[in-house]
Full PDB file with SEQRES, HELIX, SHEET, SSBOND, CRYST1, ORIGX, SCALE, CONECT and MASTER records, all heavy atoms in Angstrom:
SEQRES   1 A   30  SER TYR THR SER ALA ALA ILE LEU ALA GLU GLN LEU PHE          
SEQRES   2 A   30  LEU GLN ARG VAL LEU SER LEU ALA GLN PRO PRO SER ARG          
SEQRES   3 A   30  HIS LEU MET ALA                                              
HELIX    1 AA1 TYR A    2  ALA A    9  1                                   8    
HELIX    2 AA2 GLU A   10  LEU A   14  3                                   5    
HELIX    3 AA3 GLN A   15  LEU A   18  1                                   4    
HELIX    4 AA4 ARG A   26  MET A   29  1                                   4    
CRYST1    1.000    1.000    1.000  90.00  90.00  90.00 P 1           1          
ORIGX1      1.000000  0.000000  0.000000        0.00000                         
ORIGX2      0.000000  1.000000  0.000000        0.00000                         
ORIGX3      0.000000  0.000000  1.000000        0.00000                         
SCALE1      1.000000  0.000000  0.000000        0.00000                         
SCALE2      0.000000  1.000000  0.000000        0.00000                         
SCALE3      0.000000  0.000000  1.000000        0.00000                         
ATOM      1  N   SER A   1     100.961  68.868 106.720  1.00  0.00           N  
ATOM      2  CA  SER A   1     100.699  67.835 105.761  1.00  0.00           C  
ATOM      3  C   SER A   1      99.684  68.435 104.811  1.00  0.00           C  
ATOM      4  O   SER A   1      99.061  69.395 105.101  1.00  0.00           O  
ATOM      5  CB  SER A   1     100.185  66.625 106.492  1.00  0.00           C  
ATOM      6  OG  SER A   1      98.729  66.947 107.068  1.00  0.00           O  
ATOM      7  N   TYR A   2      99.493  67.682 103.651  1.00  0.00           N  
ATOM      8  CA  TYR A   2      98.599  68.058 102.663  1.00  0.00           C  
ATOM      9  C   TYR A   2      97.193  68.226 103.229  1.00  0.00           C  
ATOM     10  O   TYR A   2      96.505  69.139 102.947  1.00  0.00           O  
ATOM     11  CB  TYR A   2      98.683  67.122 101.473  1.00  0.00           C  
ATOM     12  CG  TYR A   2      97.742  67.429 100.361  1.00  0.00           C  
ATOM     13  CD1 TYR A   2      98.193  68.207  99.252  1.00  0.00           C  
ATOM     14  CD2 TYR A   2      96.475  66.995 100.284  1.00  0.00           C  
ATOM     15  CE1 TYR A   2      97.273  68.583  98.183  1.00  0.00           C  
ATOM     16  CE2 TYR A   2      95.546  67.374  99.368  1.00  0.00           C  
ATOM     17  CZ  TYR A   2      96.114  68.174  98.237  1.00  0.00           C  
ATOM     18  OH  TYR A   2      95.173  68.492  97.243  1.00  0.00           O  
ATOM     19  N   THR A   3      96.885  67.230 103.997  1.00  0.00           N  
ATOM     20  CA  THR A   3      95.415  67.085 104.511  1.00  0.00           C  
ATOM     21  C   THR A   3      95.222  68.273 105.557  1.00  0.00           C  
ATOM     22  O   THR A   3      94.183  68.845 105.430  1.00  0.00           O  
ATOM     23  CB  THR A   3      95.243  65.764 105.212  1.00  0.00           C  
ATOM     24  OG1 THR A   3      95.509  64.663 104.361  1.00  0.00           O  
ATOM     25  CG2 THR A   3      93.847  65.593 105.741  1.00  0.00           C  
ATOM     26  N   SER A   4      96.234  68.575 106.333  1.00  0.00           N  
ATOM     27  CA  SER A   4      95.989  69.631 107.245  1.00  0.00           C  
ATOM     28  C   SER A   4      95.880  70.965 106.570  1.00  0.00           C  
ATOM     29  O   SER A   4      95.177  71.841 106.901  1.00  0.00           O  
ATOM     30  CB  SER A   4      97.211  69.709 108.285  1.00  0.00           C  
ATOM     31  OG  SER A   4      97.287  68.573 109.066  1.00  0.00           O  
ATOM     32  N   ALA A   5      96.778  71.135 105.601  1.00  0.00           N  
ATOM     33  CA  ALA A   5      96.710  72.386 104.837  1.00  0.00           C  
ATOM     34  C   ALA A   5      95.395  72.550 104.002  1.00  0.00           C  
ATOM     35  O   ALA A   5      94.819  73.708 104.033  1.00  0.00           O  
ATOM     36  CB  ALA A   5      97.922  72.455 103.760  1.00  0.00           C  
ATOM     37  N   ALA A   6      94.734  71.375 103.577  1.00  0.00           N  
ATOM     38  CA  ALA A   6      93.494  71.489 102.877  1.00  0.00           C  
ATOM     39  C   ALA A   6      92.451  71.939 103.796  1.00  0.00           C  
ATOM     40  O   ALA A   6      91.579  72.682 103.492  1.00  0.00           O  
ATOM     41  CB  ALA A   6      93.203  70.097 102.126  1.00  0.00           C  
ATOM     42  N   ILE A   7      92.520  71.374 105.015  1.00  0.00           N  
ATOM     43  CA  ILE A   7      91.524  71.632 106.061  1.00  0.00           C  
ATOM     44  C   ILE A   7      91.656  73.159 106.418  1.00  0.00           C  
ATOM     45  O   ILE A   7      90.636  73.927 106.445  1.00  0.00           O  
ATOM     46  CB  ILE A   7      91.717  70.724 107.243  1.00  0.00           C  
ATOM     47  CG1 ILE A   7      91.172  69.354 106.990  1.00  0.00           C  
ATOM     48  CG2 ILE A   7      90.916  71.335 108.563  1.00  0.00           C  
ATOM     49  CD1 ILE A   7      91.625  68.302 108.028  1.00  0.00           C  
ATOM     50  N   LEU A   8      92.867  73.651 106.589  1.00  0.00           N  
ATOM     51  CA  LEU A   8      92.954  74.985 106.901  1.00  0.00           C  
ATOM     52  C   LEU A   8      92.553  76.012 105.728  1.00  0.00           C  
ATOM     53  O   LEU A   8      91.993  76.995 105.949  1.00  0.00           O  
ATOM     54  CB  LEU A   8      94.533  75.359 107.202  1.00  0.00           C  
ATOM     55  CG  LEU A   8      94.838  74.961 108.730  1.00  0.00           C  
ATOM     56  CD1 LEU A   8      96.361  75.239 108.961  1.00  0.00           C  
ATOM     57  CD2 LEU A   8      94.150  75.741 109.708  1.00  0.00           C  
ATOM     58  N   ALA A   9      92.847  75.612 104.628  1.00  0.00           N  
ATOM     59  CA  ALA A   9      92.318  76.363 103.433  1.00  0.00           C  
ATOM     60  C   ALA A   9      90.873  76.545 103.391  1.00  0.00           C  
ATOM     61  O   ALA A   9      90.287  77.522 103.208  1.00  0.00           O  
ATOM     62  CB  ALA A   9      92.843  75.657 102.051  1.00  0.00           C  
ATOM     63  N   GLU A  10      90.280  75.447 103.653  1.00  0.00           N  
ATOM     64  CA  GLU A  10      88.745  75.482 103.721  1.00  0.00           C  
ATOM     65  C   GLU A  10      88.277  76.256 104.927  1.00  0.00           C  
ATOM     66  O   GLU A  10      87.391  77.145 104.738  1.00  0.00           O  
ATOM     67  CB  GLU A  10      88.319  73.941 103.955  1.00  0.00           C  
ATOM     68  CG  GLU A  10      86.709  73.907 104.073  1.00  0.00           C  
ATOM     69  CD  GLU A  10      86.266  72.517 104.355  1.00  0.00           C  
ATOM     70  OE1 GLU A  10      86.955  71.454 104.197  1.00  0.00           O  
ATOM     71  OE2 GLU A  10      85.031  72.338 104.717  1.00  0.00           O  
ATOM     72  N   GLN A  11      88.738  76.133 106.094  1.00  0.00           N  
ATOM     73  CA  GLN A  11      88.426  76.773 107.206  1.00  0.00           C  
ATOM     74  C   GLN A  11      88.666  78.268 107.247  1.00  0.00           C  
ATOM     75  O   GLN A  11      87.791  79.170 107.715  1.00  0.00           O  
ATOM     76  CB  GLN A  11      89.072  76.152 108.560  1.00  0.00           C  
ATOM     77  CG  GLN A  11      88.544  74.787 108.844  1.00  0.00           C  
ATOM     78  CD  GLN A  11      87.277  74.618 109.034  1.00  0.00           C  
ATOM     79  OE1 GLN A  11      86.570  75.346 110.069  1.00  0.00           O  
ATOM     80  NE2 GLN A  11      86.451  73.721 108.517  1.00  0.00           N  
ATOM     81  N   LEU A  12      89.853  78.548 106.614  1.00  0.00           N  
ATOM     82  CA  LEU A  12      90.339  80.017 106.595  1.00  0.00           C  
ATOM     83  C   LEU A  12      89.660  80.774 105.545  1.00  0.00           C  
ATOM     84  O   LEU A  12      89.344  81.991 105.755  1.00  0.00           O  
ATOM     85  CB  LEU A  12      91.735  80.111 106.523  1.00  0.00           C  
ATOM     86  CG  LEU A  12      92.617  79.604 107.698  1.00  0.00           C  
ATOM     87  CD1 LEU A  12      94.096  79.645 107.266  1.00  0.00           C  
ATOM     88  CD2 LEU A  12      92.415  80.329 108.976  1.00  0.00           C  
ATOM     89  N   PHE A  13      89.499  80.215 104.392  1.00  0.00           N  
ATOM     90  CA  PHE A  13      89.150  80.981 103.143  1.00  0.00           C  
ATOM     91  C   PHE A  13      87.928  80.713 102.532  1.00  0.00           C  
ATOM     92  O   PHE A  13      87.272  81.590 101.738  1.00  0.00           O  
ATOM     93  CB  PHE A  13      90.291  80.797 102.130  1.00  0.00           C  
ATOM     94  CG  PHE A  13      91.545  81.335 102.627  1.00  0.00           C  
ATOM     95  CD1 PHE A  13      92.683  80.403 102.820  1.00  0.00           C  
ATOM     96  CD2 PHE A  13      91.831  82.654 102.990  1.00  0.00           C  
ATOM     97  CE1 PHE A  13      93.841  80.804 103.321  1.00  0.00           C  
ATOM     98  CE2 PHE A  13      93.067  83.156 103.474  1.00  0.00           C  
ATOM     99  CZ  PHE A  13      94.102  82.209 103.674  1.00  0.00           C  
ATOM    100  N   LEU A  14      87.369  79.439 102.524  1.00  0.00           N  
ATOM    101  CA  LEU A  14      86.292  79.145 101.638  1.00  0.00           C  
ATOM    102  C   LEU A  14      85.078  80.005 101.801  1.00  0.00           C  
ATOM    103  O   LEU A  14      84.597  80.540 100.867  1.00  0.00           O  
ATOM    104  CB  LEU A  14      85.888  77.723 101.848  1.00  0.00           C  
ATOM    105  CG  LEU A  14      84.864  77.068 100.995  1.00  0.00           C  
ATOM    106  CD1 LEU A  14      85.322  77.060  99.510  1.00  0.00           C  
ATOM    107  CD2 LEU A  14      84.611  75.654 101.396  1.00  0.00           C  
ATOM    108  N   GLN A  15      84.459  80.197 103.002  1.00  0.00           N  
ATOM    109  CA  GLN A  15      83.278  80.976 103.071  1.00  0.00           C  
ATOM    110  C   GLN A  15      83.649  82.469 102.833  1.00  0.00           C  
ATOM    111  O   GLN A  15      82.716  83.149 102.204  1.00  0.00           O  
ATOM    112  CB  GLN A  15      82.737  80.871 104.588  1.00  0.00           C  
ATOM    113  CG  GLN A  15      81.974  79.626 104.750  1.00  0.00           C  
ATOM    114  CD  GLN A  15      80.932  79.398 103.704  1.00  0.00           C  
ATOM    115  OE1 GLN A  15      80.370  80.236 103.070  1.00  0.00           O  
ATOM    116  NE2 GLN A  15      80.698  78.080 103.560  1.00  0.00           N  
ATOM    117  N   ARG A  16      84.770  82.963 103.136  1.00  0.00           N  
ATOM    118  CA  ARG A  16      85.144  84.277 102.724  1.00  0.00           C  
ATOM    119  C   ARG A  16      85.202  84.548 101.333  1.00  0.00           C  
ATOM    120  O   ARG A  16      84.667  85.569 100.832  1.00  0.00           O  
ATOM    121  CB  ARG A  16      86.515  84.696 103.332  1.00  0.00           C  
ATOM    122  CG  ARG A  16      86.579  84.589 104.830  1.00  0.00           C  
ATOM    123  CD  ARG A  16      88.075  84.812 105.295  1.00  0.00           C  
ATOM    124  NE  ARG A  16      88.409  84.362 106.535  1.00  0.00           N  
ATOM    125  CZ  ARG A  16      88.286  85.290 107.631  1.00  0.00           C  
ATOM    126  NH1 ARG A  16      87.854  86.590 107.524  1.00  0.00           N  
ATOM    127  NH2 ARG A  16      88.428  84.783 108.942  1.00  0.00           N  
ATOM    128  N   VAL A  17      85.641  83.613 100.465  1.00  0.00           N  
ATOM    129  CA  VAL A  17      85.785  83.858  99.069  1.00  0.00           C  
ATOM    130  C   VAL A  17      84.510  83.574  98.415  1.00  0.00           C  
ATOM    131  O   VAL A  17      84.092  84.374  97.630  1.00  0.00           O  
ATOM    132  CB  VAL A  17      86.815  82.732  98.460  1.00  0.00           C  
ATOM    133  CG1 VAL A  17      86.834  82.782  96.987  1.00  0.00           C  
ATOM    134  CG2 VAL A  17      88.231  83.128  98.870  1.00  0.00           C  
ATOM    135  N   LEU A  18      83.660  82.499  98.879  1.00  0.00           N  
ATOM    136  CA  LEU A  18      82.350  82.227  98.210  1.00  0.00           C  
ATOM    137  C   LEU A  18      81.436  83.434  98.439  1.00  0.00           C  
ATOM    138  O   LEU A  18      80.404  83.678  97.773  1.00  0.00           O  
ATOM    139  CB  LEU A  18      81.757  81.008  98.788  1.00  0.00           C  
ATOM    140  CG  LEU A  18      82.507  79.811  98.259  1.00  0.00           C  
ATOM    141  CD1 LEU A  18      81.888  78.575  98.845  1.00  0.00           C  
ATOM    142  CD2 LEU A  18      82.621  79.660  96.665  1.00  0.00           C  
ATOM    143  N   SER A  19      81.623  84.198  99.606  1.00  0.00           N  
ATOM    144  CA  SER A  19      80.726  85.330  99.920  1.00  0.00           C  
ATOM    145  C   SER A  19      81.153  86.661  99.381  1.00  0.00           C  
ATOM    146  O   SER A  19      80.501  87.699  99.656  1.00  0.00           O  
ATOM    147  CB  SER A  19      80.461  85.335 101.486  1.00  0.00           C  
ATOM    148  OG  SER A  19      81.721  85.606 102.128  1.00  0.00           O  
ATOM    149  N   LEU A  20      82.217  86.691  98.555  1.00  0.00           N  
ATOM    150  CA  LEU A  20      82.661  88.025  98.189  1.00  0.00           C  
ATOM    151  C   LEU A  20      81.620  88.615  97.236  1.00  0.00           C  
ATOM    152  O   LEU A  20      81.260  88.024  96.308  1.00  0.00           O  
ATOM    153  CB  LEU A  20      83.930  87.838  97.273  1.00  0.00           C  
ATOM    154  CG  LEU A  20      85.251  87.561  98.034  1.00  0.00           C  
ATOM    155  CD1 LEU A  20      86.368  87.233  97.106  1.00  0.00           C  
ATOM    156  CD2 LEU A  20      85.601  88.787  98.943  1.00  0.00           C  
ATOM    157  N   ALA A  21      81.230  89.867  97.506  1.00  0.00           N  
ATOM    158  CA  ALA A  21      80.440  90.645  96.667  1.00  0.00           C  
ATOM    159  C   ALA A  21      81.085  91.881  96.159  1.00  0.00           C  
ATOM    160  O   ALA A  21      80.470  92.646  95.329  1.00  0.00           O  
ATOM    161  CB  ALA A  21      79.112  91.099  97.568  1.00  0.00           C  
ATOM    162  N   GLN A  22      82.324  92.125  96.728  1.00  0.00           N  
ATOM    163  CA  GLN A  22      83.112  93.252  96.224  1.00  0.00           C  
ATOM    164  C   GLN A  22      84.520  92.642  96.179  1.00  0.00           C  
ATOM    165  O   GLN A  22      84.863  91.678  96.817  1.00  0.00           O  
ATOM    166  CB  GLN A  22      82.985  94.431  97.046  1.00  0.00           C  
ATOM    167  CG  GLN A  22      83.284  94.170  98.569  1.00  0.00           C  
ATOM    168  CD  GLN A  22      82.872  95.331  99.499  1.00  0.00           C  
ATOM    169  OE1 GLN A  22      82.207  96.288  98.937  1.00  0.00           O  
ATOM    170  NE2 GLN A  22      83.208  95.437 100.653  1.00  0.00           N  
ATOM    171  N   PRO A  23      85.525  93.476  95.514  1.00  0.00           N  
ATOM    172  CA  PRO A  23      86.962  92.948  95.559  1.00  0.00           C  
ATOM    173  C   PRO A  23      87.403  92.644  97.081  1.00  0.00           C  
ATOM    174  O   PRO A  23      87.042  93.367  97.993  1.00  0.00           O  
ATOM    175  CB  PRO A  23      87.709  94.132  94.963  1.00  0.00           C  
ATOM    176  CG  PRO A  23      86.615  94.878  94.182  1.00  0.00           C  
ATOM    177  CD  PRO A  23      85.332  94.731  94.969  1.00  0.00           C  
ATOM    178  N   PRO A  24      88.167  91.662  97.260  1.00  0.00           N  
ATOM    179  CA  PRO A  24      88.749  91.283  98.568  1.00  0.00           C  
ATOM    180  C   PRO A  24      89.711  92.409  99.085  1.00  0.00           C  
ATOM    181  O   PRO A  24      90.246  93.159  98.367  1.00  0.00           O  
ATOM    182  CB  PRO A  24      89.647  90.004  98.341  1.00  0.00           C  
ATOM    183  CG  PRO A  24      89.877  90.032  96.851  1.00  0.00           C  
ATOM    184  CD  PRO A  24      88.795  90.808  96.125  1.00  0.00           C  
ATOM    185  N   SER A  25      89.580  92.462 100.478  1.00  0.00           N  
ATOM    186  CA  SER A  25      90.307  93.501 101.060  1.00  0.00           C  
ATOM    187  C   SER A  25      91.863  93.232 100.872  1.00  0.00           C  
ATOM    188  O   SER A  25      92.264  92.078 100.597  1.00  0.00           O  
ATOM    189  CB  SER A  25      90.008  93.470 102.474  1.00  0.00           C  
ATOM    190  OG  SER A  25      90.471  92.363 103.115  1.00  0.00           O  
ATOM    191  N   ARG A  26      92.781  94.212 101.185  1.00  0.00           N  
ATOM    192  CA  ARG A  26      94.122  94.048 101.089  1.00  0.00           C  
ATOM    193  C   ARG A  26      94.503  93.003 102.141  1.00  0.00           C  
ATOM    194  O   ARG A  26      95.449  92.161 101.917  1.00  0.00           O  
ATOM    195  CB  ARG A  26      94.863  95.279 101.123  1.00  0.00           C  
ATOM    196  CG  ARG A  26      94.763  95.960 102.430  1.00  0.00           C  
ATOM    197  CD  ARG A  26      95.540  97.414 102.518  1.00  0.00           C  
ATOM    198  NE  ARG A  26      95.349  98.060 103.740  1.00  0.00           N  
ATOM    199  CZ  ARG A  26      96.016  97.867 104.817  1.00  0.00           C  
ATOM    200  NH1 ARG A  26      97.055  97.068 104.831  1.00  0.00           N  
ATOM    201  NH2 ARG A  26      95.792  98.537 105.847  1.00  0.00           N  
ATOM    202  N   HIS A  27      93.872  92.921 103.270  1.00  0.00           N  
ATOM    203  CA  HIS A  27      94.314  91.893 104.290  1.00  0.00           C  
ATOM    204  C   HIS A  27      93.921  90.438 103.697  1.00  0.00           C  
ATOM    205  O   HIS A  27      94.722  89.663 104.024  1.00  0.00           O  
ATOM    206  CB  HIS A  27      93.511  92.137 105.578  1.00  0.00           C  
ATOM    207  CG  HIS A  27      93.936  93.325 106.305  1.00  0.00           C  
ATOM    208  ND1 HIS A  27      95.225  93.585 106.792  1.00  0.00           N  
ATOM    209  CD2 HIS A  27      93.364  94.509 106.677  1.00  0.00           C  
ATOM    210  CE1 HIS A  27      95.370  94.716 107.360  1.00  0.00           C  
ATOM    211  NE2 HIS A  27      94.179  95.336 107.405  1.00  0.00           N  
ATOM    212  N   LEU A  28      92.776  90.321 103.188  1.00  0.00           N  
ATOM    213  CA  LEU A  28      92.450  88.983 102.679  1.00  0.00           C  
ATOM    214  C   LEU A  28      93.324  88.636 101.551  1.00  0.00           C  
ATOM    215  O   LEU A  28      93.750  87.495 101.531  1.00  0.00           O  
ATOM    216  CB  LEU A  28      90.918  88.928 102.210  1.00  0.00           C  
ATOM    217  CG  LEU A  28      90.498  87.704 101.690  1.00  0.00           C  
ATOM    218  CD1 LEU A  28      90.672  86.564 102.582  1.00  0.00           C  
ATOM    219  CD2 LEU A  28      88.953  87.780 101.268  1.00  0.00           C  
ATOM    220  N   MET A  29      93.708  89.540 100.617  1.00  0.00           N  
ATOM    221  CA  MET A  29      94.651  89.135  99.634  1.00  0.00           C  
ATOM    222  C   MET A  29      96.062  88.908 100.169  1.00  0.00           C  
ATOM    223  O   MET A  29      96.694  87.930  99.618  1.00  0.00           O  
ATOM    224  CB  MET A  29      94.740  90.323  98.597  1.00  0.00           C  
ATOM    225  CG  MET A  29      93.659  90.482  97.575  1.00  0.00           C  
ATOM    226  SD  MET A  29      93.303  88.836  96.725  1.00  0.00           S  
ATOM    227  CE  MET A  29      94.904  88.699  95.694  1.00  0.00           C  
ATOM    228  N   ALA A  30      96.474  89.552 101.109  1.00  0.00           N  
ATOM    229  CA  ALA A  30      97.785  89.199 101.748  1.00  0.00           C  
ATOM    230  C   ALA A  30      97.853  87.927 102.314  1.00  0.00           C  
ATOM    231  O   ALA A  30      98.674  87.075 102.321  1.00  0.00           O  
ATOM    232  CB  ALA A  30      98.155  90.278 102.778  1.00  0.00           C  
TER     233      ALA A  30                                                      
MASTER        0    0    0    4    0    0    0    6  232    1    0    3          
END                                                                             
């Protein structure tokens, strides 16, 4: 569902993206 996908987007990526200090790894981009 939209809500579940939004929660997963937050849980999986938010802190990783906000803390980027260098280009994202190929794994993160994938």
